[in-house]
Amino acid sequence: MDYSAKLDAAIDRLHEEGRYRTFIDIERKNGQFPHAVWTRPDGGSQDITVWCGNDYLGMGQNPVVLQAMHEAIDATGAGSGGTRNISGTTVYHKRLEAELADLHGKEAALLFTSAYIANDATLSTLPKLFPGLIIYSDALNHASMIEGVRRNGGDKRVFRHNDVAHLRELLEADDPAAPKLIAFESVYSMDGDFGPIEEICDLADEFGALTYIDEVHAVGLYGPRGGGVAERDNLAHRIDIINGTLAKAFGVMGGYIAASAKMCDAIRSYAPGFIFTTSLSPAVAAGAAASVAYLKEHPELREKHQELAKVLKLRLKGLGLPIIDHGSHIVPVIVGDPVHTKKLSDMLLSEFGLYVQPINFPTVPRGTERLRFTPSPVHGPSEVDHLVQAMDSLWSHCALNRAELAG
């Protein structure tokens, strides 16, 4: 077996399909986000504006967050020293879990190294706690949720995206006595549409199912205190397990679940993804706790974020570009071809100093390749003007038919 040739063939396929992924060398400057410095392939440097980061509110440079992290480093050092089972926990981890439980109105929260791990570990562990569990999963759930459901060894049902009628059909077809859980998202990050939370909760009540919601692209961004769409819609109390991230709106890293004290204790005790993983460093936990607490008290950042997203969508629609607009903060522009998408991304960067990564299969279905813009409160009018002008120029340059794509 020529293993090297197999690797070459696999990578060549990605190049041929126009969806080979490249990392861009970017140096963020504290206090200057969304501006950064790009190291070009020729070794030179260029000032750029980042339009695809998930630090939605710029909290990664908030002085309150940075101060908390500095203080924790000075007090405890860099790392956590191991898993919480081996090295113990710290006041920083406990403080963060308390902030998160309070944010979602739950009894407890449990930290993980990422929201991906939180989803995977929790969903793959639940059948150990509820033998015979059937998980009903939305067709467009994140890869981490799909992986967790796949690995748990239990029964699963996939319902068509946001199709409550189809979900009902699947629930009705199963044993009424079987334990059940419905897993879905509040904001689906590629199209920016919202999950039908209340309708799913109604079905869960009717069929005696648990509810599991991924609020990764909503925590910090929606709700009076940033608790997500479930908080905004006064539905958080109807959700059994809430998954969230500390790496997007909160600007740091890590993930978590918030639930009852018993649920968090059981996941903590049974999930290998928690038991055998080194915990977040105290500095990260301290920064995240400061960010969560700060955003509870600063709704004006969420309001400005939503306003800028609306402005950007309106401006791009005015050019006739094919925008998907479900009323969220996500701004996807459908290109529909991986080669064109990559070309647009490359030209935006090299010619205009605008960084937005192409989104290709398997992240999105073939034929729906796109550029996904993520405006933030720190993107000003001049940055928006520059982006709109660049898109106007390049869309025509790439000979993309606006009316045809939009239709």
Protein backbone atom coordinates (compact mmCIF):
# COMPACT_ATOMS: atom_id res chain seq x y z
CA MET A 1 0.00 0.00 0.00
CA ASP A 2 1.36 3.39 -1.05
CA TYR A 3 0.02 5.49 1.82
CA SER A 4 1.66 8.66 0.56
CA ALA A 5 -0.08 8.34 -2.82
CA LYS A 6 -3.43 7.88 -1.08
CA LEU A 7 -2.87 11.10 0.85
CA ASP A 8 -1.91 12.91 -2.37
CA ALA A 9 -5.08 11.68 -4.06
CA ALA A 10 -7.29 12.79 -1.18
CA ILE A 11 -5.78 16.28 -1.11
CA ASP A 12 -5.81 16.55 -4.92
CA ARG A 13 -9.57 15.88 -4.93
CA LEU A 14 -10.10 18.93 -2.76
CA HIS A 15 -8.00 21.07 -5.09
CA GLU A 16 -9.89 19.79 -8.16
CA GLU A 17 -13.24 20.60 -6.55
CA GLY A 18 -12.07 24.07 -5.58
CA ARG A 19 -12.63 23.50 -1.86
CA TYR A 20 -9.12 22.99 -0.52
CA ARG A 21 -8.93 24.98 2.71
CA THR A 22 -6.06 27.32 3.46
CA PHE A 23 -5.11 29.08 6.67
CA ILE A 24 -4.46 32.80 6.42
CA ASP A 25 -1.61 34.14 8.57
CA ILE A 26 -3.22 36.90 10.60
CA GLU A 27 -1.93 38.86 13.55
CA ARG A 28 -4.65 40.46 15.63
CA LYS A 29 -3.70 43.68 17.42
CA ASN A 30 -5.15 44.24 20.87
CA GLY A 31 -7.52 47.21 20.83
CA GLN A 32 -7.65 47.39 17.02
CA PHE A 33 -10.12 44.62 16.12
CA PRO A 34 -11.57 44.18 13.48
CA HIS A 35 -8.32 45.45 11.99
CA ALA A 36 -5.41 43.03 11.77
CA VAL A 37 -2.21 42.38 9.82
CA TRP A 38 -2.00 39.70 7.12
CA THR A 39 1.32 38.09 6.26
CA ARG A 40 1.15 37.59 2.51
CA PRO A 41 2.62 34.51 0.78
CA ASP A 42 5.47 36.69 -0.50
CA GLY A 43 6.45 37.50 3.10
CA GLY A 44 5.18 41.07 3.06
CA SER A 45 2.49 42.39 5.37
CA GLN A 46 -0.82 44.12 4.69
CA ASP A 47 -3.40 45.78 6.91
CA ILE A 48 -6.76 44.06 6.65
CA THR A 49 -10.27 44.15 8.11
CA VAL A 50 -11.65 40.87 9.44
CA TRP A 51 -15.24 40.17 8.31
CA CYS A 52 -15.59 36.49 9.20
CA GLY A 53 -14.57 36.19 12.85
CA ASN A 54 -16.93 34.79 15.46
CA ASP A 55 -15.78 37.24 18.14
CA TYR A 56 -19.14 38.84 17.40
CA LEU A 57 -18.96 41.66 19.95
CA GLY A 58 -15.22 42.25 20.11
CA MET A 59 -15.08 40.92 23.68
CA GLY A 60 -11.72 39.29 22.95
CA GLN A 61 -10.16 42.74 23.43
CA ASN A 62 -12.43 44.09 26.16
CA PRO A 63 -10.27 45.55 28.96
CA VAL A 64 -12.45 43.96 31.65
CA VAL A 65 -11.82 40.50 30.16
CA LEU A 66 -8.09 41.09 29.71
CA GLN A 67 -7.67 42.39 33.24
CA ALA A 68 -9.38 39.31 34.69
CA MET A 69 -7.10 37.05 32.68
CA HIS A 70 -3.95 38.93 33.72
CA GLU A 71 -4.95 38.75 37.36
CA ALA A 72 -5.57 35.01 37.13
CA ILE A 73 -2.22 34.39 35.43
CA ASP A 74 -0.41 36.41 38.07
CA ALA A 75 -2.21 34.53 40.82
CA THR A 76 -2.12 30.94 39.53
CA GLY A 77 0.15 30.61 36.49
CA ALA A 78 -0.65 29.42 33.00
CA GLY A 79 -2.30 26.00 32.99
CA SER A 80 -4.81 24.06 35.05
CA GLY A 81 -2.45 21.15 35.56
CA GLY A 82 -4.76 18.42 34.32
CA THR A 83 -8.34 17.25 34.54
CA ARG A 84 -10.54 18.55 37.32
CA ASN A 85 -10.73 15.01 38.69
CA ILE A 86 -6.94 14.82 39.04
CA SER A 87 -5.80 18.39 39.60
CA GLY A 88 -8.88 19.67 41.33
CA THR A 89 -11.01 22.64 40.41
CA THR A 90 -10.39 26.32 41.06
CA VAL A 91 -12.38 29.31 42.18
CA TYR A 92 -12.26 30.54 38.58
CA HIS A 93 -13.98 27.44 37.19
CA LYS A 94 -16.60 27.50 39.91
CA ARG A 95 -17.22 31.22 39.39
CA LEU A 96 -17.66 30.74 35.65
CA GLU A 97 -20.08 27.83 36.07
CA ALA A 98 -22.09 29.91 38.55
CA GLU A 99 -22.23 32.82 36.05
CA LEU A 100 -23.42 30.48 33.29
CA ALA A 101 -26.05 28.78 35.44
CA ASP A 102 -27.35 32.22 36.40
CA LEU A 103 -27.27 33.39 32.77
CA HIS A 104 -29.62 30.59 31.71
CA GLY A 105 -31.69 30.36 34.88
CA LYS A 106 -30.50 26.82 35.58
CA GLU A 107 -29.36 25.11 38.75
CA ALA A 108 -25.91 24.30 37.41
CA ALA A 109 -23.49 24.44 34.49
CA LEU A 110 -20.58 22.24 33.42
CA LEU A 111 -17.48 23.46 31.59
CA PHE A 112 -15.79 21.74 28.65
CA THR A 113 -12.79 22.71 26.55
CA SER A 114 -15.06 23.62 23.62
CA ALA A 115 -18.73 23.66 22.68
CA TYR A 116 -17.93 20.90 20.17
CA ILE A 117 -16.72 18.67 22.99
CA ALA A 118 -19.68 19.70 25.17
CA ASN A 119 -22.13 18.60 22.46
CA ASP A 120 -20.27 15.42 21.57
CA ALA A 121 -19.64 14.36 25.16
CA THR A 122 -23.13 15.12 26.43
CA LEU A 123 -25.13 13.64 23.56
CA SER A 124 -23.00 10.50 23.45
CA THR A 125 -23.37 10.02 27.22
CA LEU A 126 -27.12 10.50 27.61
CA PRO A 127 -28.06 6.93 26.56
CA LYS A 128 -25.91 5.65 29.42
CA LEU A 129 -28.12 7.63 31.76
CA PHE A 130 -31.40 6.84 30.01
CA PRO A 131 -31.20 3.31 28.52
CA GLY A 132 -33.22 2.97 25.33
CA LEU A 133 -33.09 6.73 24.69
CA ILE A 134 -34.24 7.85 21.24
CA ILE A 135 -32.70 11.13 20.03
CA TYR A 136 -34.59 13.22 17.47
CA SER A 137 -32.08 15.44 15.69
CA ASP A 138 -32.67 18.33 13.28
CA ALA A 139 -31.20 17.60 9.84
CA LEU A 140 -29.04 20.73 9.92
CA ASN A 141 -27.63 20.30 13.41
CA HIS A 142 -23.94 21.10 13.88
CA ALA A 143 -21.35 18.41 13.19
CA SER A 144 -20.61 18.14 16.91
CA MET A 145 -24.22 17.23 17.66
CA ILE A 146 -24.33 14.75 14.78
CA GLU A 147 -21.14 13.13 16.03
CA GLY A 148 -22.43 12.88 19.58
CA VAL A 149 -25.68 11.29 18.44
CA ARG A 150 -23.85 8.92 16.09
CA ARG A 151 -21.40 7.74 18.74
CA ASN A 152 -23.88 7.06 21.50
CA GLY A 153 -24.98 3.73 20.07
CA GLY A 154 -28.65 4.44 20.67
CA ASP A 155 -31.59 4.97 18.35
CA LYS A 156 -31.78 8.22 16.44
CA ARG A 157 -34.30 9.89 14.18
CA VAL A 158 -33.46 12.81 11.88
CA PHE A 159 -36.29 15.23 11.20
CA ARG A 160 -36.35 17.64 8.28
CA HIS A 161 -34.90 21.03 9.16
CA ASN A 162 -37.28 23.04 11.35
CA ASP A 163 -40.15 20.74 10.24
CA VAL A 164 -42.26 20.34 13.35
CA ALA A 165 -44.87 18.27 11.51
CA HIS A 166 -42.21 15.74 10.49
CA LEU A 167 -40.90 15.66 14.05
CA ARG A 168 -44.41 14.88 15.27
CA GLU A 169 -44.69 11.99 12.80
CA LEU A 170 -41.45 10.50 14.09
CA LEU A 171 -42.47 10.89 17.72
CA GLU A 172 -45.86 9.31 17.08
CA ALA A 173 -44.25 6.30 15.40
CA ASP A 174 -42.14 5.35 18.42
CA ASP A 175 -42.96 3.56 21.65
CA PRO A 176 -44.68 6.07 23.99
CA ALA A 177 -42.81 4.54 26.94
CA ALA A 178 -39.33 4.99 25.42
CA PRO A 179 -37.21 7.85 26.79
CA LYS A 180 -36.82 10.60 24.21
CA LEU A 181 -34.74 13.72 23.59
CA ILE A 182 -35.12 16.39 20.89
CA ALA A 183 -31.85 18.06 19.85
CA PHE A 184 -31.86 21.27 17.82
CA GLU A 185 -30.29 24.74 17.53
CA SER A 186 -31.55 28.23 18.23
CA VAL A 187 -29.61 29.96 15.42
CA TYR A 188 -28.30 27.89 12.52
CA SER A 189 -25.03 29.55 11.67
CA MET A 190 -24.82 29.03 7.91
CA ASP A 191 -28.25 30.37 6.87
CA GLY A 192 -28.91 32.37 10.02
CA ASP A 193 -32.42 30.99 10.56
CA PHE A 194 -34.02 30.33 13.93
CA GLY A 195 -35.23 27.04 15.35
CA PRO A 196 -38.95 26.80 16.30
CA ILE A 197 -38.21 26.59 20.02
CA GLU A 198 -41.73 26.97 21.40
CA GLU A 199 -43.27 24.46 18.98
CA ILE A 200 -40.56 21.91 19.78
CA CYS A 201 -41.07 22.44 23.50
CA ASP A 202 -44.80 21.88 23.04
CA LEU A 203 -44.11 18.56 21.30
CA ALA A 204 -41.63 17.60 24.00
CA ASP A 205 -44.27 18.18 26.65
CA GLU A 206 -46.84 16.21 24.69
CA PHE A 207 -44.59 13.20 24.12
CA GLY A 208 -42.63 13.31 27.37
CA ALA A 209 -39.29 14.16 25.73
CA LEU A 210 -36.28 16.04 27.03
CA THR A 211 -35.11 19.10 25.09
CA TYR A 212 -31.51 19.91 24.13
CA ILE A 213 -30.70 23.22 22.44
CA ASP A 214 -27.43 24.46 20.95
CA GLU A 215 -27.25 28.23 21.56
CA VAL A 216 -23.64 28.60 20.38
CA HIS A 217 -24.38 31.39 17.89
CA ALA A 218 -26.86 33.10 20.21
CA VAL A 219 -25.38 33.28 23.72
CA GLY A 220 -24.24 36.79 24.48
CA LEU A 221 -26.10 38.08 21.43
CA TYR A 222 -29.81 37.64 22.21
CA GLY A 223 -31.96 38.07 25.28
CA PRO A 224 -32.04 40.83 27.91
CA ARG A 225 -28.83 39.51 29.53
CA GLY A 226 -27.37 37.57 26.61
CA GLY A 227 -28.84 34.20 27.53
CA GLY A 228 -29.67 33.43 23.91
CA VAL A 229 -32.83 33.10 21.87
CA ALA A 230 -34.49 30.92 24.51
CA GLU A 231 -34.05 33.74 27.02
CA ARG A 232 -35.24 36.33 24.49
CA ASP A 233 -38.42 34.33 23.93
CA ASN A 234 -38.92 33.49 27.63
CA LEU A 235 -38.51 29.78 26.93
CA ALA A 236 -35.27 28.89 28.72
CA HIS A 237 -37.18 27.29 31.59
CA ARG A 238 -38.66 24.80 29.11
CA ILE A 239 -35.26 23.62 27.87
CA ASP A 240 -33.67 20.77 29.80
CA ILE A 241 -30.09 21.15 28.51
CA ILE A 242 -28.61 24.31 26.98
CA ASN A 243 -25.30 24.09 25.15
CA GLY A 244 -23.23 27.23 24.65
CA THR A 245 -19.78 28.50 23.80
CA LEU A 246 -17.36 30.92 25.39
CA ALA A 247 -15.42 31.34 22.13
CA LYS A 248 -17.78 33.49 20.07
CA ALA A 249 -19.76 36.36 21.59
CA PHE A 250 -17.88 35.98 24.89
CA GLY A 251 -14.55 36.29 23.06
CA VAL A 252 -12.47 33.66 24.90
CA MET A 253 -12.66 29.86 24.48
CA GLY A 254 -14.42 26.83 25.91
CA GLY A 255 -17.92 25.40 25.96
CA TYR A 256 -20.52 24.30 28.46
CA ILE A 257 -23.92 22.88 29.22
CA ALA A 258 -26.42 24.42 31.63
CA ALA A 259 -29.08 22.20 33.15
CA SER A 260 -30.36 20.82 36.43
CA ALA A 261 -27.82 20.03 39.13
CA LYS A 262 -28.56 16.32 38.75
CA MET A 263 -28.08 16.40 34.98
CA CYS A 264 -24.75 18.23 35.21
CA ASP A 265 -23.58 15.89 37.96
CA ALA A 266 -24.46 12.82 35.90
CA ILE A 267 -22.71 14.12 32.76
CA ARG A 268 -19.69 15.11 34.87
CA SER A 269 -19.54 11.60 36.29
CA TYR A 270 -20.11 9.57 33.12
CA ALA A 271 -18.85 11.55 30.10
CA PRO A 272 -15.34 10.54 28.97
CA GLY A 273 -15.08 13.85 27.11
CA PHE A 274 -15.19 15.60 30.46
CA ILE A 275 -13.48 13.07 32.72
CA PHE A 276 -10.33 12.59 30.64
CA THR A 277 -9.79 16.09 29.25
CA THR A 278 -7.54 18.73 30.82
CA SER A 279 -9.71 21.56 32.08
CA LEU A 280 -9.63 25.14 30.87
CA SER A 281 -6.77 27.18 32.25
CA PRO A 282 -7.71 29.43 35.20
CA ALA A 283 -6.92 32.51 33.11
CA VAL A 284 -9.36 31.46 30.38
CA ALA A 285 -12.05 30.67 32.94
CA ALA A 286 -11.49 34.04 34.63
CA GLY A 287 -11.71 35.94 31.35
CA ALA A 288 -14.85 34.07 30.30
CA ALA A 289 -16.54 34.72 33.65
CA ALA A 290 -15.75 38.42 33.35
CA SER A 291 -17.13 38.48 29.81
CA VAL A 292 -20.37 36.72 30.74
CA ALA A 293 -20.90 39.05 33.70
CA TYR A 294 -20.12 42.12 31.57
CA LEU A 295 -22.53 41.24 28.78
CA LYS A 296 -25.34 40.63 31.25
CA GLU A 297 -25.13 44.35 32.04
CA HIS A 298 -24.48 45.78 28.56
CA PRO A 299 -27.42 45.15 26.21
CA GLU A 300 -26.34 48.13 24.11
CA LEU A 301 -23.63 45.96 22.51
CA ARG A 302 -26.27 43.48 21.38
CA GLU A 303 -28.44 46.27 20.04
CA LYS A 304 -25.58 47.81 18.06
CA HIS A 305 -24.64 44.38 16.72
CA GLN A 306 -28.14 43.77 15.41
CA GLU A 307 -28.33 47.26 13.90
CA LEU A 308 -25.09 46.82 11.98
CA ALA A 309 -26.16 43.40 10.67
CA LYS A 310 -29.38 44.95 9.36
CA VAL A 311 -27.48 47.80 7.72
CA LEU A 312 -25.02 45.46 6.01
CA LYS A 313 -27.82 43.22 4.71
CA LEU A 314 -29.71 46.23 3.40
CA ARG A 315 -26.64 47.61 1.64
CA LEU A 316 -25.77 44.26 0.02
CA LYS A 317 -29.37 43.67 -1.01
CA GLY A 318 -29.28 47.10 -2.62
CA LEU A 319 -26.58 45.77 -4.95
CA GLY A 320 -28.84 42.89 -5.94
CA LEU A 321 -26.68 40.30 -4.25
CA PRO A 322 -28.29 36.99 -3.18
CA ILE A 323 -28.50 37.46 0.59
CA ILE A 324 -30.14 34.97 2.91
CA ASP A 325 -31.97 36.99 5.55
CA HIS A 326 -33.86 35.28 8.36
CA GLY A 327 -33.58 38.23 10.71
CA SER A 328 -30.51 37.06 12.61
CA HIS A 329 -27.02 38.55 12.75
CA ILE A 330 -25.65 36.08 10.16
CA VAL A 331 -25.03 37.62 6.69
CA PRO A 332 -24.56 34.88 4.05
CA VAL A 333 -24.03 35.81 0.39
CA ILE A 334 -24.68 32.78 -1.84
CA VAL A 335 -22.18 32.30 -4.65
CA GLY A 336 -23.14 28.74 -5.56
CA ASP A 337 -19.79 27.58 -6.91
CA PRO A 338 -16.69 26.62 -4.90
CA VAL A 339 -14.20 28.02 -7.41
CA HIS A 340 -15.96 31.37 -7.66
CA THR A 341 -16.33 31.51 -3.89
CA LYS A 342 -12.62 30.96 -3.35
CA LYS A 343 -11.77 33.48 -6.07
CA LEU A 344 -13.96 36.15 -4.48
CA SER A 345 -12.43 35.47 -1.08
CA ASP A 346 -8.89 35.69 -2.45
CA MET A 347 -9.56 38.92 -4.35
CA LEU A 348 -11.29 40.57 -1.41
CA LEU A 349 -8.19 39.88 0.65
CA SER A 350 -5.44 40.70 -1.81
CA GLU A 351 -7.04 43.66 -3.61
CA PHE A 352 -9.18 45.24 -0.91
CA GLY A 353 -7.71 44.03 2.39
CA LEU A 354 -10.98 42.38 3.41
CA TYR A 355 -10.82 38.95 5.02
CA VAL A 356 -13.78 36.58 4.65
CA GLN A 357 -13.31 32.85 4.30
CA PRO A 358 -15.18 30.82 1.64
CA ILE A 359 -17.76 28.38 3.03
CA ASN A 360 -17.88 25.18 0.98
CA PHE A 361 -19.11 21.60 1.19
CA PRO A 362 -19.37 19.76 3.58
CA THR A 363 -20.08 22.75 5.82
CA VAL A 364 -22.91 23.69 3.44
CA PRO A 365 -24.58 21.63 0.65
CA ARG A 366 -22.99 21.65 -2.80
CA GLY A 367 -24.38 24.44 -4.92
CA THR A 368 -24.86 26.74 -1.91
CA GLU A 369 -21.23 27.77 -1.44
CA ARG A 370 -21.07 31.22 0.10
CA LEU A 371 -19.27 34.06 1.77
CA ARG A 372 -20.46 34.49 5.35
CA PHE A 373 -19.99 37.95 6.82
CA THR A 374 -20.07 38.55 10.57
CA PRO A 375 -20.44 42.25 11.37
CA SER A 376 -19.69 43.41 14.91
CA PRO A 377 -20.25 46.59 16.93
CA VAL A 378 -16.65 47.58 16.21
CA HIS A 379 -17.14 47.61 12.44
CA GLY A 380 -17.80 51.26 11.64
CA PRO A 381 -19.52 52.99 8.68
CA SER A 382 -16.23 53.31 6.77
CA GLU A 383 -15.60 49.56 7.04
CA VAL A 384 -19.12 48.84 5.80
CA ASP A 385 -18.71 51.26 2.88
CA HIS A 386 -15.42 49.66 1.88
CA LEU A 387 -16.91 46.15 1.96
CA VAL A 388 -19.98 47.11 -0.06
CA GLN A 389 -17.88 48.85 -2.69
CA ALA A 390 -15.56 45.85 -2.96
CA MET A 391 -18.43 43.39 -3.33
CA ASP A 392 -20.03 45.59 -5.99
CA SER A 393 -16.81 45.62 -7.97
CA LEU A 394 -15.86 41.98 -7.60
CA TRP A 395 -19.28 40.45 -8.17
CA SER A 396 -19.35 41.97 -11.63
CA HIS A 397 -15.70 41.09 -12.21
CA CYS A 398 -16.41 37.43 -11.50
CA ALA A 399 -19.30 37.50 -14.01
CA LEU A 400 -21.87 36.30 -11.51
CA ASN A 401 -25.47 36.85 -12.52
CA ARG A 402 -27.05 38.64 -9.58
CA ALA A 403 -30.68 38.38 -10.61
CA GLU A 404 -30.40 34.70 -11.56
CA LEU A 405 -28.67 33.77 -8.29
CA ALA A 406 -31.03 35.85 -6.22
CA GLY A 407 -34.05 34.18 -7.84
